[in-house]
Structure formats: C-alpha cells, structure tokens
C-alpha cells in the first residue's frame, strides 16, 4: 500500500506542475497568440479562480511530499521529497509572481 501511495503522490506532483505551467496568469493572454501586434493586454480583474486553484493544488502537493518525507526511512527518498517540494514552490512562484 505504501508504494501505491508514494506513486500517487508523485503523480499528483507531476499533475500539479503541469497545471502550474498550463494555466495562464492573465485570462487575456490568448490574445497575444492570435495577434502578435498587440503590445498591451486588457487588465485582468483577478476575479477568476486560477490563483486560488493553483495555490490549493500547491498546498496538496507540498503536503503529500512532506508526508512522504516524514514517513520515509530512506534518507535519499526523504531528500528527494524535500527537493521536489522546493521545485514545486519555485515553479508556482515563477509562474504567478
């Protein structure tokens, strides 16, 4: 059972990183792809749930990886989980700040 839980935690991490990169930070960013001559995008009012969704996903990813680090007896696996937490946080910060 532990192996399945660890695999699911790593799949959640991969899915979370994919969502962090795939979701746009500005809901009008598709306009630049359609017409490259547009220099400024309309103001995004920020009322969407993109940031909230990705933040909750980041919390889930960090919690599962820290759970793996806390329950692991192997030092390499514990270190890898901590590194993956730092990678997830840095990807989220790079994309949303």
N, C-alpha and C. Protein backbone atom coordinates (compact mmCIF):
# COMPACT_ATOMS: atom_id res chain seq x y z
N UNK A 1 0.82 -1.20 0.00
CA UNK A 1 0.00 0.00 0.00
C UNK A 1 0.86 1.26 0.00
N UNK A 2 1.99 1.22 0.67
CA UNK A 2 2.85 2.39 0.73
C UNK A 2 3.39 2.76 -0.65
N UNK A 3 3.69 1.76 -1.46
CA UNK A 3 4.23 2.03 -2.79
C UNK A 3 3.19 2.74 -3.65
N UNK A 4 1.94 2.29 -3.57
CA UNK A 4 0.87 2.91 -4.34
C UNK A 4 0.66 4.35 -3.88
N UNK A 5 0.71 4.59 -2.59
CA UNK A 5 0.55 5.94 -2.05
C UNK A 5 1.67 6.86 -2.53
N UNK A 6 2.88 6.37 -2.54
CA UNK A 6 4.01 7.18 -3.00
C UNK A 6 3.90 7.47 -4.50
N UNK A 7 3.47 6.48 -5.27
CA UNK A 7 3.30 6.70 -6.71
C UNK A 7 2.22 7.74 -6.96
N UNK A 8 1.11 7.65 -6.22
CA UNK A 8 0.04 8.64 -6.37
C UNK A 8 0.51 10.04 -5.96
N UNK A 9 1.34 10.12 -4.94
CA UNK A 9 1.86 11.43 -4.52
C UNK A 9 2.75 12.03 -5.59
N UNK A 10 3.56 11.20 -6.23
CA UNK A 10 4.43 11.70 -7.30
C UNK A 10 3.62 12.05 -8.55
N UNK A 11 2.56 11.30 -8.82
CA UNK A 11 1.67 11.66 -9.94
C UNK A 11 0.95 12.98 -9.66
N UNK A 12 0.56 13.20 -8.41
CA UNK A 12 -0.05 14.48 -8.03
C UNK A 12 0.95 15.62 -8.24
N UNK A 13 2.20 15.38 -7.91
CA UNK A 13 3.23 16.39 -8.12
C UNK A 13 3.37 16.71 -9.61
N UNK A 14 3.43 15.69 -10.44
CA UNK A 14 3.57 15.91 -11.89
C UNK A 14 2.35 16.64 -12.44
N UNK A 15 1.16 16.24 -12.00
CA UNK A 15 -0.06 16.91 -12.44
C UNK A 15 -0.07 18.37 -11.98
N UNK A 16 0.34 18.61 -10.75
CA UNK A 16 0.37 19.98 -10.23
C UNK A 16 1.33 20.86 -11.01
N UNK A 17 2.52 20.35 -11.31
CA UNK A 17 3.48 21.14 -12.09
C UNK A 17 2.93 21.43 -13.48
N UNK A 18 2.24 20.47 -14.07
CA UNK A 18 1.63 20.67 -15.38
C UNK A 18 0.55 21.75 -15.32
N UNK A 19 -0.26 21.73 -14.30
CA UNK A 19 -1.30 22.75 -14.14
C UNK A 19 -0.69 24.12 -13.90
N UNK A 20 0.37 24.19 -13.10
CA UNK A 20 1.02 25.48 -12.83
C UNK A 20 1.50 26.13 -14.11
N UNK A 21 2.04 25.33 -15.00
CA UNK A 21 2.59 25.86 -16.25
C UNK A 21 1.49 26.10 -17.28
N UNK A 22 0.46 25.27 -17.29
CA UNK A 22 -0.56 25.34 -18.34
C UNK A 22 -1.56 26.47 -18.13
N UNK A 23 -1.91 26.77 -16.89
CA UNK A 23 -2.89 27.82 -16.66
C UNK A 23 -2.26 29.19 -16.86
N UNK A 24 -2.91 30.05 -17.63
CA UNK A 24 -2.34 31.39 -17.84
C UNK A 24 -2.51 32.26 -16.60
N UNK A 25 -1.62 33.21 -16.44
CA UNK A 25 -1.74 34.14 -15.32
C UNK A 25 -2.69 35.28 -15.66
N UNK A 26 -2.83 35.59 -16.93
CA UNK A 26 -3.76 36.61 -17.40
C UNK A 26 -4.77 35.95 -18.32
N UNK A 27 -6.06 36.15 -18.05
CA UNK A 27 -7.06 35.46 -18.85
C UNK A 27 -7.12 35.96 -20.29
N UNK A 28 -6.44 37.05 -20.59
CA UNK A 28 -6.41 37.57 -21.96
C UNK A 28 -5.11 37.25 -22.69
N UNK A 29 -4.28 36.38 -22.15
CA UNK A 29 -3.00 36.08 -22.78
C UNK A 29 -3.17 35.38 -24.13
N UNK A 30 -4.30 34.75 -24.37
CA UNK A 30 -4.55 34.12 -25.66
C UNK A 30 -4.60 35.15 -26.79
N UNK A 31 -4.88 36.41 -26.46
CA UNK A 31 -4.99 37.44 -27.48
C UNK A 31 -3.63 37.70 -28.15
N UNK A 32 -2.56 37.63 -27.38
CA UNK A 32 -1.22 37.83 -27.94
C UNK A 32 -0.86 36.71 -28.90
N UNK A 33 -1.34 35.51 -28.63
CA UNK A 33 -1.06 34.39 -29.52
C UNK A 33 -1.81 34.54 -30.84
N UNK A 34 -2.99 35.13 -30.79
CA UNK A 34 -3.79 35.32 -32.00
C UNK A 34 -3.26 36.47 -32.86
N UNK A 35 -2.86 37.56 -32.19
CA UNK A 35 -2.39 38.74 -32.91
C UNK A 35 -1.13 39.27 -32.21
N UNK A 36 0.06 38.94 -32.74
CA UNK A 36 1.31 39.36 -32.09
C UNK A 36 1.52 40.87 -32.06
N UNK A 37 0.74 41.64 -32.83
CA UNK A 37 0.92 43.08 -32.84
C UNK A 37 0.36 43.75 -31.59
N UNK A 38 -0.41 43.01 -30.80
CA UNK A 38 -0.95 43.56 -29.55
C UNK A 38 0.19 43.68 -28.55
N UNK A 39 0.42 44.90 -28.10
CA UNK A 39 1.54 45.11 -27.17
C UNK A 39 1.09 45.07 -25.71
N UNK A 40 -0.11 45.56 -25.43
CA UNK A 40 -0.60 45.53 -24.05
C UNK A 40 -1.90 44.75 -24.00
N UNK A 41 -2.02 43.96 -22.98
CA UNK A 41 -3.22 43.16 -22.79
C UNK A 41 -4.23 43.93 -21.94
N UNK A 42 -5.52 43.65 -22.12
CA UNK A 42 -6.50 44.27 -21.23
C UNK A 42 -6.23 43.88 -19.78
N UNK A 43 -6.67 44.72 -18.88
CA UNK A 43 -6.44 44.48 -17.46
C UNK A 43 -7.26 43.29 -16.99
N UNK A 44 -6.59 42.39 -16.32
CA UNK A 44 -7.26 41.24 -15.74
C UNK A 44 -7.74 41.63 -14.35
N UNK A 45 -9.06 41.52 -14.12
CA UNK A 45 -9.61 41.97 -12.84
C UNK A 45 -9.26 41.05 -11.68
N UNK A 46 -8.75 39.87 -11.97
CA UNK A 46 -8.30 38.97 -10.91
C UNK A 46 -9.44 38.26 -10.18
N UNK A 47 -10.66 38.35 -10.72
CA UNK A 47 -11.77 37.71 -10.04
C UNK A 47 -11.87 36.22 -10.35
N UNK A 48 -11.00 35.75 -11.23
CA UNK A 48 -11.02 34.33 -11.56
C UNK A 48 -10.45 33.49 -10.43
N UNK A 49 -10.59 32.21 -10.56
CA UNK A 49 -10.14 31.30 -9.51
C UNK A 49 -8.83 30.61 -9.85
N UNK A 50 -8.10 31.12 -10.84
CA UNK A 50 -6.85 30.47 -11.27
C UNK A 50 -5.83 30.43 -10.15
N UNK A 51 -5.61 31.54 -9.50
CA UNK A 51 -4.61 31.60 -8.44
C UNK A 51 -5.03 30.77 -7.24
N UNK A 52 -6.31 30.82 -6.89
CA UNK A 52 -6.81 30.05 -5.77
C UNK A 52 -6.67 28.55 -6.03
N UNK A 53 -7.04 28.12 -7.23
CA UNK A 53 -6.94 26.71 -7.60
C UNK A 53 -5.49 26.24 -7.55
N UNK A 54 -4.60 27.01 -8.14
CA UNK A 54 -3.20 26.58 -8.15
C UNK A 54 -2.58 26.63 -6.76
N UNK A 55 -3.00 27.58 -5.93
CA UNK A 55 -2.49 27.62 -4.56
C UNK A 55 -2.96 26.41 -3.75
N UNK A 56 -4.22 26.03 -3.90
CA UNK A 56 -4.72 24.83 -3.21
C UNK A 56 -4.02 23.58 -3.73
N UNK A 57 -3.76 23.54 -5.03
CA UNK A 57 -3.03 22.40 -5.59
C UNK A 57 -1.60 22.37 -5.07
N UNK A 58 -0.98 23.54 -4.93
CA UNK A 58 0.37 23.61 -4.38
C UNK A 58 0.38 23.11 -2.93
N UNK A 59 -0.61 23.48 -2.15
CA UNK A 59 -0.69 23.02 -0.77
C UNK A 59 -0.84 21.50 -0.73
N UNK A 60 -1.66 20.94 -1.61
CA UNK A 60 -1.83 19.48 -1.66
C UNK A 60 -0.53 18.79 -2.05
N UNK A 61 0.17 19.35 -3.03
CA UNK A 61 1.44 18.77 -3.47
C UNK A 61 2.47 18.81 -2.35
N UNK A 62 2.59 19.95 -1.70
CA UNK A 62 3.56 20.10 -0.61
C UNK A 62 3.21 19.17 0.55
N UNK A 63 1.92 19.06 0.88
CA UNK A 63 1.51 18.19 1.99
C UNK A 63 1.83 16.73 1.70
N UNK A 64 1.56 16.29 0.48
CA UNK A 64 1.82 14.87 0.17
C UNK A 64 3.32 14.58 0.14
N UNK A 65 4.10 15.50 -0.41
CA UNK A 65 5.54 15.27 -0.46
C UNK A 65 6.15 15.34 0.94
N UNK A 66 5.67 16.23 1.78
CA UNK A 66 6.17 16.28 3.16
C UNK A 66 5.75 15.04 3.94
N UNK A 67 4.57 14.49 3.63
CA UNK A 67 4.15 13.24 4.26
C UNK A 67 5.08 12.10 3.87
N UNK A 68 5.48 12.08 2.60
CA UNK A 68 6.44 11.07 2.16
C UNK A 68 7.76 11.25 2.89
N UNK A 69 8.20 12.50 3.01
CA UNK A 69 9.47 12.76 3.70
C UNK A 69 9.40 12.37 5.17
N UNK A 70 8.25 12.57 5.78
CA UNK A 70 8.11 12.26 7.20
C UNK A 70 8.03 10.75 7.46
N UNK A 71 7.45 10.02 6.54
CA UNK A 71 7.26 8.58 6.77
C UNK A 71 8.35 7.72 6.14
N UNK A 72 9.21 8.30 5.38
CA UNK A 72 10.24 7.53 4.69
C UNK A 72 11.39 7.17 5.62
N UNK A 73 11.85 5.95 5.49
CA UNK A 73 13.02 5.51 6.27
C UNK A 73 14.31 5.73 5.49
N UNK A 74 14.18 5.91 4.18
CA UNK A 74 15.33 6.08 3.31
C UNK A 74 15.71 7.56 3.24
N UNK A 75 16.96 7.87 3.52
CA UNK A 75 17.41 9.26 3.53
C UNK A 75 17.37 9.88 2.13
N UNK A 76 17.68 9.09 1.10
CA UNK A 76 17.64 9.62 -0.27
C UNK A 76 16.23 9.99 -0.69
N UNK A 77 15.26 9.16 -0.32
CA UNK A 77 13.88 9.45 -0.67
C UNK A 77 13.37 10.68 0.09
N UNK A 78 13.80 10.81 1.33
CA UNK A 78 13.42 11.98 2.12
C UNK A 78 13.99 13.26 1.50
N UNK A 79 15.25 13.20 1.10
CA UNK A 79 15.89 14.36 0.46
C UNK A 79 15.22 14.68 -0.88
N UNK A 80 14.90 13.66 -1.64
CA UNK A 80 14.24 13.87 -2.94
C UNK A 80 12.88 14.52 -2.75
N UNK A 81 12.14 14.12 -1.73
CA UNK A 81 10.83 14.73 -1.47
C UNK A 81 10.96 16.20 -1.11
N UNK A 82 11.95 16.53 -0.30
CA UNK A 82 12.17 17.93 0.07
C UNK A 82 12.56 18.75 -1.16
N UNK A 83 13.41 18.19 -2.01
CA UNK A 83 13.81 18.89 -3.24
C UNK A 83 12.60 19.09 -4.15
N UNK A 84 11.74 18.08 -4.25
CA UNK A 84 10.55 18.20 -5.09
C UNK A 84 9.59 19.26 -4.54
N UNK A 85 9.51 19.38 -3.23
CA UNK A 85 8.69 20.45 -2.63
C UNK A 85 9.24 21.81 -3.03
N UNK A 86 10.56 21.96 -2.95
CA UNK A 86 11.17 23.24 -3.32
C UNK A 86 10.99 23.54 -4.80
N UNK A 87 11.06 22.52 -5.64
CA UNK A 87 10.83 22.70 -7.08
C UNK A 87 9.40 23.14 -7.33
N UNK A 88 8.43 22.50 -6.69
CA UNK A 88 7.03 22.86 -6.88
C UNK A 88 6.76 24.29 -6.44
N UNK A 89 7.31 24.67 -5.31
CA UNK A 89 7.12 26.04 -4.82
C UNK A 89 7.76 27.05 -5.77
N UNK A 90 8.95 26.76 -6.23
CA UNK A 90 9.63 27.71 -7.12
C UNK A 90 8.94 27.81 -8.47
N UNK A 91 8.40 26.70 -8.99
CA UNK A 91 7.65 26.77 -10.26
C UNK A 91 6.39 27.60 -10.07
N UNK A 92 5.70 27.40 -8.95
CA UNK A 92 4.49 28.18 -8.69
C UNK A 92 4.81 29.66 -8.57
N UNK A 93 5.87 29.96 -7.82
CA UNK A 93 6.25 31.36 -7.64
C UNK A 93 6.70 32.00 -8.95
N UNK A 94 7.44 31.29 -9.76
CA UNK A 94 7.91 31.82 -11.03
C UNK A 94 6.75 32.09 -11.98
N UNK A 95 5.73 31.29 -11.89
CA UNK A 95 4.62 31.45 -12.83
C UNK A 95 3.60 32.50 -12.34
N UNK A 96 3.46 32.67 -11.03
CA UNK A 96 2.42 33.57 -10.52
C UNK A 96 2.96 34.85 -9.92
N UNK A 97 4.25 35.05 -9.95
CA UNK A 97 4.77 36.33 -9.46
C UNK A 97 5.56 36.99 -10.52
